[in-house]
C-alpha cells in the first residue's frame, strides 16, 4: 500500500490539532524562536523538489539513507527551541504531543515541523523508518503540496494542500519490500506538519483511520 488523503471528522482530534495550531502560530512562533534548518537554502525549493532531484535520489538506490538530506523549515520539538523560556516550551510541547498520542494510540512522533513560505523538504523515502504512519498538515492558505511516487505504478502523485488541517496516512516500506515511497513537499505559505508512526499492525492502523474519519 502507499499513501492516501483522508478527511478529519473526529471533533476530539480536530480540537487537539487546533490546539497545536494555536500554540505554534498564536502563542509561540517557531520562525522566531526555533532553529532554522539549512538557512542557506531559502531559495532552493525548485532544485530540491524537482524531477531531476527525484531521479537522482532514486538512482542512489539503497545508498540513500532514507531520511531527507535537505529542507528549509523550523523544527518545533523542544530540543530545537532557542528562546528565553525553554522549560515552559518543553512542557507545552510534551503535553500536546501526549494528548494526540493517547487519543490515537500513536507510537512516536517522527516529525514536528513548521515550514515558512519557500519552505520544503527534499525527495526522500523514509526506508530507514518503515512503519504505518499518519501525517497531519496545517496550511495557512493551501498554497503548498505533497508529492509521492506510487510504488506499484511509478506514477508521481500530487496532493494539493487545502487551507486548514489536512491528513495523509499509509505505509513507508523498507528497501526490498516493494513499498518504498519516495516523497517531497513544498509551500509558499506557512505550513505545519505533525507526522507519527504506529508500528506494523495494519488492523490497528485501520482502526485509527476509521476513528479519525468517522463523525
Protein backbone atom coordinates (compact mmCIF):
# COMPACT_ATOMS: atom_id res chain seq x y z
CA UNK A 1 0.00 0.00 0.00
CA UNK A 2 1.01 3.63 -0.25
CA UNK A 3 -0.38 6.96 0.95
CA UNK A 4 -3.91 8.31 0.78
CA UNK A 5 -5.57 11.57 1.72
CA UNK A 6 -8.33 11.45 4.34
CA UNK A 7 -10.81 13.91 5.81
CA UNK A 8 -10.51 14.60 9.55
CA UNK A 9 -14.03 14.38 11.01
CA UNK A 10 -13.42 13.41 14.63
CA UNK A 11 -14.01 16.52 16.73
CA UNK A 12 -11.68 15.41 19.54
CA UNK A 13 -8.82 15.00 17.07
CA UNK A 14 -9.60 18.34 15.40
CA UNK A 15 -9.64 20.03 18.80
CA UNK A 16 -6.16 18.75 19.66
CA UNK A 17 -4.83 19.74 16.24
CA UNK A 18 -6.31 23.21 16.64
CA UNK A 19 -4.50 23.49 19.97
CA UNK A 20 -1.29 22.71 18.09
CA UNK A 21 -2.11 25.42 15.56
CA UNK A 22 -2.97 27.98 18.22
CA UNK A 23 0.16 27.16 20.23
CA UNK A 24 2.60 27.36 17.33
CA UNK A 25 1.01 30.19 15.38
CA UNK A 26 -0.50 32.43 18.08
CA UNK A 27 1.50 31.78 21.27
CA UNK A 28 4.91 30.61 20.07
CA UNK A 29 6.21 31.38 16.61
CA UNK A 30 8.83 28.78 15.68
CA UNK A 31 10.09 31.04 12.90
CA UNK A 32 11.21 33.44 15.65
CA UNK A 33 12.25 31.10 18.48
CA UNK A 34 13.29 27.77 16.97
CA UNK A 35 16.30 26.65 14.98
CA UNK A 36 16.14 27.12 11.21
CA UNK A 37 17.28 24.10 9.24
CA UNK A 38 19.51 24.89 6.26
CA UNK A 39 19.31 28.71 6.43
CA UNK A 40 21.23 29.00 3.17
CA UNK A 41 18.54 27.13 1.21
CA UNK A 42 15.78 29.74 1.31
CA UNK A 43 15.53 29.83 -2.48
CA UNK A 44 16.28 26.18 -3.18
CA UNK A 45 12.82 24.59 -3.26
CA UNK A 46 12.81 24.42 -7.07
CA UNK A 47 16.07 22.48 -7.04
CA UNK A 48 15.40 20.01 -4.23
CA UNK A 49 11.78 19.20 -5.10
CA UNK A 50 12.41 18.93 -8.86
CA UNK A 51 12.05 15.86 -11.09
CA UNK A 52 15.81 15.95 -11.62
CA UNK A 53 16.42 15.68 -7.86
CA UNK A 54 13.78 12.95 -7.64
CA UNK A 55 15.59 10.88 -10.27
CA UNK A 56 18.94 11.47 -8.54
CA UNK A 57 17.66 10.17 -5.21
CA UNK A 58 16.01 7.15 -6.85
CA UNK A 59 19.24 6.36 -8.70
CA UNK A 60 21.08 6.14 -5.39
CA UNK A 61 19.10 3.02 -4.57
CA UNK A 62 19.91 1.66 -1.13
CA UNK A 63 22.79 4.14 -0.86
CA UNK A 64 20.14 6.70 0.02
CA UNK A 65 19.77 6.51 3.81
CA UNK A 66 16.03 7.19 3.73
CA UNK A 67 15.93 10.48 5.64
CA UNK A 68 15.73 13.81 3.82
CA UNK A 69 19.12 15.32 3.03
CA UNK A 70 17.87 18.89 2.60
CA UNK A 71 15.00 21.01 3.83
CA UNK A 72 14.09 24.55 4.77
CA UNK A 73 11.98 24.61 7.94
CA UNK A 74 11.81 25.14 11.69
CA UNK A 75 11.64 22.03 13.91
CA UNK A 76 9.02 22.51 16.63
CA UNK A 77 10.31 19.91 19.09
CA UNK A 78 11.79 21.34 22.33
CA UNK A 79 15.40 20.43 21.56
CA UNK A 80 15.33 22.99 18.75
CA UNK A 81 13.88 25.84 20.84
CA UNK A 82 16.21 28.85 21.19
CA UNK A 83 14.00 31.27 23.12
CA UNK A 84 14.01 32.51 26.70
CA UNK A 85 11.54 30.06 28.30
CA UNK A 86 12.81 26.57 27.41
CA UNK A 87 11.18 24.70 30.30
CA UNK A 88 7.76 26.24 29.66
CA UNK A 89 8.11 25.49 25.96
CA UNK A 90 9.18 21.89 26.64
CA UNK A 91 6.24 21.19 28.95
CA UNK A 92 3.77 22.71 26.49
CA UNK A 93 5.02 20.60 23.59
CA UNK A 94 5.15 17.39 25.63
CA UNK A 95 1.57 17.92 26.86
CA UNK A 96 0.20 18.48 23.34
CA UNK A 97 2.17 15.58 21.88
CA UNK A 98 0.95 13.29 24.70
CA UNK A 99 -2.68 14.26 24.13
CA UNK A 100 -2.55 13.32 20.45
CA UNK A 101 -0.64 10.09 21.11
CA UNK A 102 -3.11 9.00 23.78
CA UNK A 103 -6.13 9.97 21.69
CA UNK A 104 -4.96 7.84 18.76
CA UNK A 105 -2.61 5.29 20.29
CA UNK A 106 0.37 6.62 18.33
CA UNK A 107 3.81 5.07 18.71
CA UNK A 108 6.08 8.07 18.35
CA UNK A 109 6.48 11.44 16.69
CA UNK A 110 8.60 11.25 13.55
CA UNK A 111 8.39 14.94 12.66
CA UNK A 112 7.01 18.19 14.09
CA UNK A 113 7.87 20.97 11.68
CA UNK A 114 6.90 24.48 10.64
CA UNK A 115 7.66 25.35 7.02
CA UNK A 116 7.82 29.08 6.27
CA UNK A 117 6.98 30.48 2.83
CA UNK A 118 9.53 28.96 0.41
CA UNK A 119 9.85 26.03 2.82
CA UNK A 120 10.36 22.49 1.57
CA UNK A 121 11.58 19.00 2.29
CA UNK A 122 13.53 17.32 -0.48
CA UNK A 123 12.90 13.98 -2.12
CA UNK A 124 13.48 11.03 0.24
CA UNK A 125 11.74 7.76 1.14
CA UNK A 126 11.92 7.02 4.91
CA UNK A 127 13.04 3.47 4.12
CA UNK A 128 15.06 3.72 7.32
CA UNK A 129 11.83 4.06 9.35
CA UNK A 130 9.46 1.56 7.77
CA UNK A 131 6.10 1.71 9.57
CA UNK A 132 2.46 2.63 9.21
CA UNK A 133 2.03 6.36 9.59
CA UNK A 134 -0.33 9.29 9.85
CA UNK A 135 0.64 12.78 8.70
CA UNK A 136 -1.31 15.85 9.83
CA UNK A 137 -0.61 19.08 7.96
CA UNK A 138 -1.97 22.56 8.59
CA UNK A 139 -1.72 25.08 5.74
CA UNK A 140 -2.25 28.82 6.12
CA UNK A 141 -3.98 29.19 2.76
CA UNK A 142 -3.49 25.93 0.83
CA UNK A 143 -0.59 27.13 -1.31
CA UNK A 144 1.57 24.04 -0.97
CA UNK A 145 1.75 20.39 -1.94
CA UNK A 146 2.99 16.90 -1.13
CA UNK A 147 4.23 14.69 -3.97
CA UNK A 148 4.98 11.00 -3.85
CA UNK A 149 5.70 8.15 -6.22
CA UNK A 150 3.14 5.35 -6.10
CA UNK A 151 5.42 2.31 -5.69
CA UNK A 152 3.25 -0.13 -7.67
CA UNK A 153 2.80 2.07 -10.76
CA UNK A 154 5.68 4.57 -10.64
CA UNK A 155 3.18 7.42 -11.05
CA UNK A 156 4.06 10.75 -9.45
CA UNK A 157 1.01 11.88 -7.49
CA UNK A 158 0.47 15.40 -6.18
CA UNK A 159 -1.69 16.02 -3.13
CA UNK A 160 -2.53 19.72 -3.02
CA UNK A 161 -2.77 21.28 0.42
CA UNK A 162 -6.10 22.75 1.46
CA UNK A 163 -6.46 25.65 3.86
CA UNK A 164 -6.58 24.37 7.42
CA UNK A 165 -5.89 20.82 8.56
CA UNK A 166 -5.11 18.06 6.06
CA UNK A 167 -4.35 14.39 6.69
CA UNK A 168 -2.48 11.67 4.84
CA UNK A 169 -1.81 8.14 6.03
CA UNK A 170 -0.21 5.00 4.70
CA UNK A 171 2.90 2.86 4.90
CA UNK A 172 6.54 3.67 4.19
CA UNK A 173 8.23 0.43 3.17
CA UNK A 174 11.82 -0.68 3.66
CA UNK A 175 14.17 -1.49 0.81
CA UNK A 176 13.19 -4.78 -0.80
CA UNK A 177 9.56 -4.57 0.34
CA UNK A 178 8.11 -3.22 -2.89
CA UNK A 179 6.53 -0.42 -0.85
CA UNK A 180 9.29 2.19 -0.82
CA UNK A 181 7.55 5.58 -1.13
CA UNK A 182 9.65 8.47 -2.45
CA UNK A 183 8.14 11.81 -1.49
CA UNK A 184 8.76 15.57 -1.18
CA UNK A 185 6.81 18.68 -0.15
CA UNK A 186 6.97 22.44 -0.52
CA UNK A 187 4.91 25.51 0.33
CA UNK A 188 4.50 29.19 -0.46
CA UNK A 189 2.72 29.89 2.84
CA UNK A 190 3.15 28.81 6.43
CA UNK A 191 2.67 25.05 6.74
CA UNK A 192 2.89 22.85 9.85
CA UNK A 193 3.39 19.08 9.69
CA UNK A 194 2.95 16.60 12.54
CA UNK A 195 3.98 13.11 11.47
CA UNK A 196 3.55 9.99 13.64
CA UNK A 197 4.31 6.29 13.23
CA UNK A 198 2.29 3.32 14.53
CA UNK A 199 4.46 0.23 14.05
CA UNK A 200 3.42 -2.64 11.77
CA UNK A 201 -0.09 -3.61 12.87
CA UNK A 202 -2.37 -2.96 9.86
CA UNK A 203 -5.61 -3.61 11.75
CA UNK A 204 -4.69 -1.15 14.48
CA UNK A 205 -3.71 1.46 11.88
CA UNK A 206 -7.00 0.91 10.03
CA UNK A 207 -9.00 1.29 13.25
CA UNK A 208 -7.20 4.57 13.89
CA UNK A 209 -8.09 5.84 10.40
CA UNK A 210 -11.73 4.88 10.94
CA UNK A 211 -11.75 6.70 14.29
CA UNK A 212 -10.38 9.90 12.73
CA UNK A 213 -12.60 9.88 9.66
CA UNK A 214 -15.94 8.94 11.22
CA UNK A 215 -18.15 11.53 12.93
